[in-house]
């Protein structure tokens, strides 16, 4: 792969409307070389043929238990442990005014 030149970085900076001084042009040219080299190395991988795409790195399994109908506690037993009950329901403090 050809090395990116200082002139190419200056041209890209002009297109992006960036004002870069000489030291920034030199620094960015070397950094862009490293980035483009890494991208080129990734492009060399040709082993992807026959590999199924994955959505997750590890297999996912459903961890929910099956629904089983069971009898619940009697209402009176449940309400006996409540701080306050009224008309067969839990009584809770009012948090909103009557104006809504």
N, C-alpha and C. Protein backbone atom coordinates (compact mmCIF):
# COMPACT_ATOMS: atom_id res chain seq x y z
N UNK A 1 0.84 -1.17 0.00
CA UNK A 1 0.00 0.00 0.00
C UNK A 1 0.89 1.24 0.00
N UNK A 2 0.52 2.20 -0.80
CA UNK A 2 1.31 3.43 -0.91
C UNK A 2 1.13 4.29 0.35
N UNK A 3 2.21 4.93 0.71
CA UNK A 3 2.18 5.80 1.89
C UNK A 3 1.42 7.08 1.55
N UNK A 4 0.58 7.53 2.47
CA UNK A 4 -0.17 8.77 2.25
C UNK A 4 0.78 9.95 2.38
N UNK A 5 0.70 10.87 1.47
CA UNK A 5 1.64 12.00 1.46
C UNK A 5 1.08 13.18 2.21
N UNK A 6 1.98 14.07 2.52
CA UNK A 6 1.62 15.31 3.20
C UNK A 6 0.68 16.14 2.32
N UNK A 7 0.91 16.11 1.01
CA UNK A 7 0.07 16.86 0.07
C UNK A 7 -1.36 16.29 0.05
N UNK A 8 -1.48 14.96 0.16
CA UNK A 8 -2.81 14.36 0.19
C UNK A 8 -3.56 14.73 1.47
N UNK A 9 -2.83 14.79 2.57
CA UNK A 9 -3.47 15.22 3.83
C UNK A 9 -3.91 16.67 3.72
N UNK A 10 -3.09 17.52 3.12
CA UNK A 10 -3.45 18.93 2.94
C UNK A 10 -4.69 19.04 2.04
N UNK A 11 -4.75 18.21 1.01
CA UNK A 11 -5.91 18.23 0.12
C UNK A 11 -7.18 17.80 0.87
N UNK A 12 -7.08 16.73 1.66
CA UNK A 12 -8.22 16.28 2.46
C UNK A 12 -8.65 17.35 3.47
N UNK A 13 -7.67 18.02 4.06
CA UNK A 13 -7.97 19.09 5.03
C UNK A 13 -8.72 20.22 4.33
N UNK A 14 -8.29 20.57 3.12
CA UNK A 14 -8.98 21.63 2.37
C UNK A 14 -10.41 21.22 2.07
N UNK A 15 -10.61 19.97 1.65
CA UNK A 15 -11.96 19.48 1.35
C UNK A 15 -12.86 19.50 2.58
N UNK A 16 -12.28 19.21 3.73
CA UNK A 16 -13.03 19.20 4.99
C UNK A 16 -13.08 20.58 5.63
N UNK A 17 -12.49 21.57 4.95
CA UNK A 17 -12.44 22.95 5.45
C UNK A 17 -11.77 23.03 6.82
N UNK A 18 -10.64 22.32 6.93
CA UNK A 18 -9.84 22.34 8.15
C UNK A 18 -8.57 23.13 7.90
N UNK A 19 -8.24 23.99 8.81
CA UNK A 19 -6.98 24.75 8.72
C UNK A 19 -5.93 24.02 9.55
N UNK A 20 -4.95 23.42 8.88
CA UNK A 20 -3.90 22.67 9.57
C UNK A 20 -2.55 23.31 9.30
N UNK A 21 -1.72 23.39 10.34
CA UNK A 21 -0.37 23.92 10.13
C UNK A 21 0.56 22.77 9.72
N UNK A 22 1.82 23.10 9.45
CA UNK A 22 2.77 22.11 8.93
C UNK A 22 2.97 20.93 9.87
N UNK A 23 3.07 21.20 11.17
CA UNK A 23 3.31 20.10 12.11
C UNK A 23 2.09 19.16 12.17
N UNK A 24 0.89 19.73 12.09
CA UNK A 24 -0.32 18.91 12.10
C UNK A 24 -0.41 18.05 10.84
N UNK A 25 0.00 18.61 9.70
CA UNK A 25 -0.02 17.84 8.45
C UNK A 25 0.91 16.64 8.54
N UNK A 26 2.12 16.85 9.08
CA UNK A 26 3.08 15.76 9.22
C UNK A 26 2.57 14.68 10.17
N UNK A 27 2.04 15.14 11.32
CA UNK A 27 1.54 14.19 12.33
C UNK A 27 0.35 13.40 11.78
N UNK A 28 -0.59 14.07 11.12
CA UNK A 28 -1.76 13.38 10.60
C UNK A 28 -1.41 12.44 9.46
N UNK A 29 -0.41 12.78 8.66
CA UNK A 29 0.00 11.89 7.57
C UNK A 29 0.48 10.56 8.13
N UNK A 30 1.28 10.60 9.20
CA UNK A 30 1.77 9.34 9.78
C UNK A 30 0.64 8.58 10.47
N UNK A 31 -0.27 9.29 11.12
CA UNK A 31 -1.39 8.63 11.79
C UNK A 31 -2.33 7.98 10.77
N UNK A 32 -2.59 8.68 9.67
CA UNK A 32 -3.46 8.12 8.64
C UNK A 32 -2.82 6.90 7.99
N UNK A 33 -1.49 6.89 7.89
CA UNK A 33 -0.79 5.71 7.37
C UNK A 33 -1.06 4.49 8.24
N UNK A 34 -0.98 4.69 9.54
CA UNK A 34 -1.22 3.59 10.48
C UNK A 34 -2.67 3.10 10.36
N UNK A 35 -3.62 4.03 10.29
CA UNK A 35 -5.04 3.66 10.20
C UNK A 35 -5.31 2.92 8.90
N UNK A 36 -4.83 3.45 7.78
CA UNK A 36 -5.06 2.80 6.49
C UNK A 36 -4.38 1.44 6.41
N UNK A 37 -3.23 1.30 7.07
CA UNK A 37 -2.56 0.00 7.12
C UNK A 37 -3.39 -1.03 7.88
N UNK A 38 -4.00 -0.61 8.98
CA UNK A 38 -4.84 -1.51 9.76
C UNK A 38 -6.08 -1.92 8.97
N UNK A 39 -6.67 -0.98 8.26
CA UNK A 39 -7.85 -1.29 7.44
C UNK A 39 -7.46 -2.25 6.32
N UNK A 40 -6.30 -2.06 5.71
CA UNK A 40 -5.84 -2.95 4.64
C UNK A 40 -5.61 -4.36 5.18
N UNK A 41 -5.09 -4.46 6.40
CA UNK A 41 -4.83 -5.77 7.00
C UNK A 41 -6.15 -6.51 7.24
N UNK A 42 -7.18 -5.79 7.67
CA UNK A 42 -8.49 -6.41 7.88
C UNK A 42 -9.06 -6.89 6.55
N UNK A 43 -8.82 -6.10 5.48
CA UNK A 43 -9.30 -6.48 4.16
C UNK A 43 -8.63 -7.73 3.62
N UNK A 44 -7.50 -8.11 4.14
CA UNK A 44 -6.78 -9.31 3.68
C UNK A 44 -7.43 -10.60 4.17
N UNK A 45 -8.26 -10.53 5.17
CA UNK A 45 -8.87 -11.73 5.73
C UNK A 45 -9.86 -12.28 4.70
N UNK A 46 -9.60 -13.49 4.25
CA UNK A 46 -10.47 -14.11 3.26
C UNK A 46 -11.05 -15.41 3.78
N UNK A 47 -10.94 -15.64 5.06
CA UNK A 47 -11.39 -16.88 5.67
C UNK A 47 -12.88 -16.86 5.99
N UNK A 48 -13.58 -15.77 5.65
CA UNK A 48 -14.98 -15.63 6.04
C UNK A 48 -15.91 -16.49 5.22
N UNK A 49 -15.43 -17.13 4.19
CA UNK A 49 -16.28 -17.96 3.35
C UNK A 49 -16.76 -19.17 4.15
N UNK A 50 -18.04 -19.41 4.14
CA UNK A 50 -18.60 -20.55 4.85
C UNK A 50 -18.85 -20.31 6.32
N UNK A 51 -18.57 -19.11 6.81
CA UNK A 51 -18.80 -18.80 8.22
C UNK A 51 -20.16 -18.14 8.33
N UNK A 52 -21.01 -18.69 9.18
CA UNK A 52 -22.35 -18.12 9.36
C UNK A 52 -22.27 -16.85 10.19
N UNK A 53 -22.97 -15.80 9.78
CA UNK A 53 -22.97 -14.57 10.57
C UNK A 53 -23.57 -14.81 11.95
N UNK A 54 -23.03 -14.11 12.95
CA UNK A 54 -23.50 -14.28 14.32
C UNK A 54 -24.09 -12.97 14.83
N UNK A 55 -25.07 -13.07 15.70
CA UNK A 55 -25.60 -11.88 16.34
C UNK A 55 -24.98 -11.68 17.72
N UNK A 56 -24.48 -12.76 18.32
CA UNK A 56 -23.85 -12.68 19.63
C UNK A 56 -22.60 -13.56 19.64
N UNK A 57 -21.66 -13.20 20.48
CA UNK A 57 -20.42 -13.96 20.57
C UNK A 57 -20.61 -15.29 21.29
N UNK A 58 -21.61 -15.35 22.17
CA UNK A 58 -21.90 -16.60 22.87
C UNK A 58 -23.35 -16.97 22.60
N UNK A 59 -23.67 -18.26 22.56
CA UNK A 59 -25.05 -18.65 22.29
C UNK A 59 -25.98 -18.19 23.42
N UNK A 60 -27.16 -17.77 23.05
CA UNK A 60 -28.15 -17.33 24.04
C UNK A 60 -29.18 -18.43 24.25
N UNK A 61 -29.60 -18.59 25.47
CA UNK A 61 -30.63 -19.56 25.79
C UNK A 61 -31.72 -18.86 26.58
N UNK A 62 -32.94 -19.31 26.39
CA UNK A 62 -34.06 -18.77 27.15
C UNK A 62 -33.94 -19.26 28.59
N UNK A 63 -33.87 -18.35 29.54
CA UNK A 63 -33.68 -18.74 30.93
C UNK A 63 -34.98 -18.65 31.75
N UNK A 64 -36.09 -18.40 31.04
CA UNK A 64 -37.36 -18.31 31.77
C UNK A 64 -37.89 -19.70 32.09
N UNK A 65 -38.52 -19.82 33.21
CA UNK A 65 -39.11 -21.09 33.59
C UNK A 65 -40.48 -21.22 32.94
N UNK A 66 -40.97 -22.42 32.78
CA UNK A 66 -42.30 -22.59 32.18
C UNK A 66 -43.38 -22.09 33.14
N UNK A 67 -44.47 -21.59 32.59
CA UNK A 67 -45.59 -21.14 33.41
C UNK A 67 -46.30 -22.34 34.00
N UNK A 68 -46.46 -22.30 35.30
CA UNK A 68 -47.18 -23.37 36.00
C UNK A 68 -48.24 -22.70 36.86
N UNK A 69 -49.47 -23.13 36.69
CA UNK A 69 -50.57 -22.56 37.48
C UNK A 69 -50.54 -23.18 38.86
N UNK A 70 -50.45 -22.32 39.88
CA UNK A 70 -50.49 -22.78 41.27
C UNK A 70 -51.50 -21.92 42.02
N UNK A 71 -51.97 -22.42 43.11
CA UNK A 71 -52.92 -21.64 43.89
C UNK A 71 -52.16 -20.54 44.64
N UNK A 72 -52.76 -19.40 44.71
CA UNK A 72 -52.11 -18.29 45.41
C UNK A 72 -52.52 -18.29 46.88
N UNK A 73 -51.87 -17.42 47.63
CA UNK A 73 -52.21 -17.30 49.05
C UNK A 73 -53.61 -16.73 49.20
N UNK A 74 -54.30 -17.11 50.26
CA UNK A 74 -55.62 -16.51 50.49
C UNK A 74 -55.48 -15.00 50.74
N UNK A 75 -56.42 -14.24 50.22
CA UNK A 75 -56.38 -12.79 50.32
C UNK A 75 -56.25 -12.32 51.77
N UNK A 76 -56.97 -12.92 52.67
CA UNK A 76 -56.92 -12.49 54.08
C UNK A 76 -55.53 -12.69 54.67
N UNK A 77 -54.84 -13.78 54.30
CA UNK A 77 -53.49 -14.01 54.80
C UNK A 77 -52.52 -12.95 54.27
N UNK A 78 -52.68 -12.59 53.01
CA UNK A 78 -51.80 -11.58 52.41
C UNK A 78 -52.05 -10.23 53.05
N UNK A 79 -53.29 -9.84 53.18
CA UNK A 79 -53.62 -8.53 53.75
C UNK A 79 -53.30 -8.46 55.24
N UNK A 80 -53.19 -9.60 55.90
CA UNK A 80 -52.86 -9.60 57.33
C UNK A 80 -51.45 -9.06 57.54
N UNK A 81 -50.56 -9.21 56.57
CA UNK A 81 -49.20 -8.72 56.71
C UNK A 81 -49.03 -7.28 56.23
N UNK A 82 -50.09 -6.68 55.69
CA UNK A 82 -50.00 -5.31 55.16
C UNK A 82 -50.12 -4.30 56.28
N UNK A 83 -49.42 -3.15 56.16
CA UNK A 83 -49.55 -2.11 57.19
C UNK A 83 -50.97 -1.56 57.26
N UNK A 84 -51.67 -1.50 56.11
CA UNK A 84 -53.05 -1.00 56.09
C UNK A 84 -53.78 -1.67 54.94
N UNK A 85 -55.06 -2.02 55.20
CA UNK A 85 -55.90 -2.64 54.16
C UNK A 85 -57.28 -2.03 54.24
N UNK A 86 -57.96 -2.00 53.09
CA UNK A 86 -59.31 -1.44 53.05
C UNK A 86 -60.07 -2.09 51.90
N UNK A 87 -61.25 -2.59 52.15
CA UNK A 87 -62.09 -3.23 51.13
C UNK A 87 -61.37 -4.35 50.39
N UNK A 88 -60.59 -5.15 51.10
CA UNK A 88 -59.91 -6.28 50.48
C UNK A 88 -58.73 -5.90 49.61
N UNK A 89 -58.21 -4.68 49.78
CA UNK A 89 -57.05 -4.21 49.00
C UNK A 89 -56.03 -3.56 49.93
N UNK A 90 -54.81 -3.43 49.43
CA UNK A 90 -53.78 -2.69 50.18
C UNK A 90 -54.15 -1.22 50.18
N UNK A 91 -53.98 -0.58 51.32
CA UNK A 91 -54.20 0.87 51.40
C UNK A 91 -52.83 1.53 51.40
N UNK A 92 -52.64 2.49 50.48
CA UNK A 92 -51.37 3.17 50.36
C UNK A 92 -51.59 4.67 50.52
N UNK A 93 -50.56 5.40 50.92
CA UNK A 93 -50.73 6.85 51.08
C UNK A 93 -50.99 7.51 49.72
N UNK A 94 -51.81 8.55 49.76
CA UNK A 94 -52.11 9.31 48.54
C UNK A 94 -50.84 10.11 48.15
N UNK A 95 -50.52 10.04 46.87
CA UNK A 95 -49.34 10.78 46.42
C UNK A 95 -49.72 11.89 45.44
N UNK A 96 -50.94 11.87 44.93
CA UNK A 96 -51.39 12.92 44.03
C UNK A 96 -52.58 13.64 44.64
N UNK A 97 -52.69 14.92 44.33
CA UNK A 97 -53.86 15.68 44.77
C UNK A 97 -55.07 15.27 43.95
N UNK A 98 -56.24 15.75 44.36
CA UNK A 98 -57.44 15.49 43.58
C UNK A 98 -57.40 16.19 42.25
N UNK A 99 -56.58 17.21 42.11
CA UNK A 99 -56.47 17.94 40.84
C UNK A 99 -55.53 17.18 39.91
N UNK A 100 -56.08 16.68 38.82
CA UNK A 100 -55.22 15.98 37.84
C UNK A 100 -55.51 16.45 36.45
